[in-house]
Amino acid sequence: MPETAPPTGPEDWDTALAGAFEILLGGQPPAAPATGYGVYYASDSLDEFLFPNSWMTVGTLAGREPTTLPDPDGPYPFSPWAWRFDLGGSLFRFDADLLAGTGAWGADGHKGPRPFDESFATALRTTHPSDEDGGVLVRGTDLGLLLARHGADLTGEDSEPLNTWLTVLLRVATDGTLTDAMRAATFTGRGPAHLVSTDDIRYADRAAEPWEERLGAVAHPALRDHLRMLCLTREHARSEGGFYRAAEGWPWPTEALKTVGCSLVAGWGFGESQAGAVVVRLPEG
């Protein structure tokens, strides 16, 4: 289709985004609520090198202000570390064996004793939801309270054995609307000056079908290219960019969100399925 002039003002940019999001979402349902949406990001590499860290503290987890986190990877297109996170609304999944002191944990396990006492583990198991594998999920605000109540410290060197035994689902700070959630998830929230071009991605210049054809309707050329790089084939997304799954399946490792009643709206996988970002409809309350 012929190229059209890119939008020049904020209203034009908002219109371009609205049209693009409608394409990605297959048409927004007319009865969709005004608010109640969120964005979460999870990554195997984050979990593998999570501990020790400086931000798993009572004050940080209970803080109300969105915060950035240290960038462990360096700048690259679609870096999640450009986001601000709501740590209080983020979710932390504790492995079942970790909480029970079984398997690799405990006196006979190669991991040794857990870096928290039994009262902390019992409080988690009895007051927070478990998934089908026995893992327990806790919100950041509640985790901060438990750390304070039980005197547990997850910032020191003793916490290093916890790597890969906690899954962190970081909640991206948004205003609760579907539009703002999609802006965050597609890395368009900072405006047209921060779009990724096809020159930034070395291995692909086209989206996977059917998205290459569908995104052809996006009037803004730079936005169209940016979204193409988030809709690559699985093979091309192994190195750079993203693989768009729409609402057809939870990208690893975000499935734990089902346990707390979130429903999938849109999802992206990154790398060799090591990371995922999702837009979800949040549960009531």
Foldseek 3Di string as FASTA:
>chain_A
DDADAADDDPVSQLVLLVVVVCLLLVHDDPPDDFFQKWKWKWFLVCLQAVPQDDQLALPNLQDADFAADDDPDDDAPPDLSVFTFNQQQKKKKAAQCLLVQDALGDCPHVLYHHQFDNVLSVCQQPPFFADPRRIGMDGSNVSSVSCVVRVGDRNDPSNNSCRPRMIIITITDFPRGPSRNVCSVLVCVVHPVPADAPVRQDPDQAADPPLRVSLVPSNRVRVSRRVSQQPHPLVSQQVGGKHWPAQPDEQPPPVCLVRQPWHFGIKIAHHNSRMMMTMTRHDDD
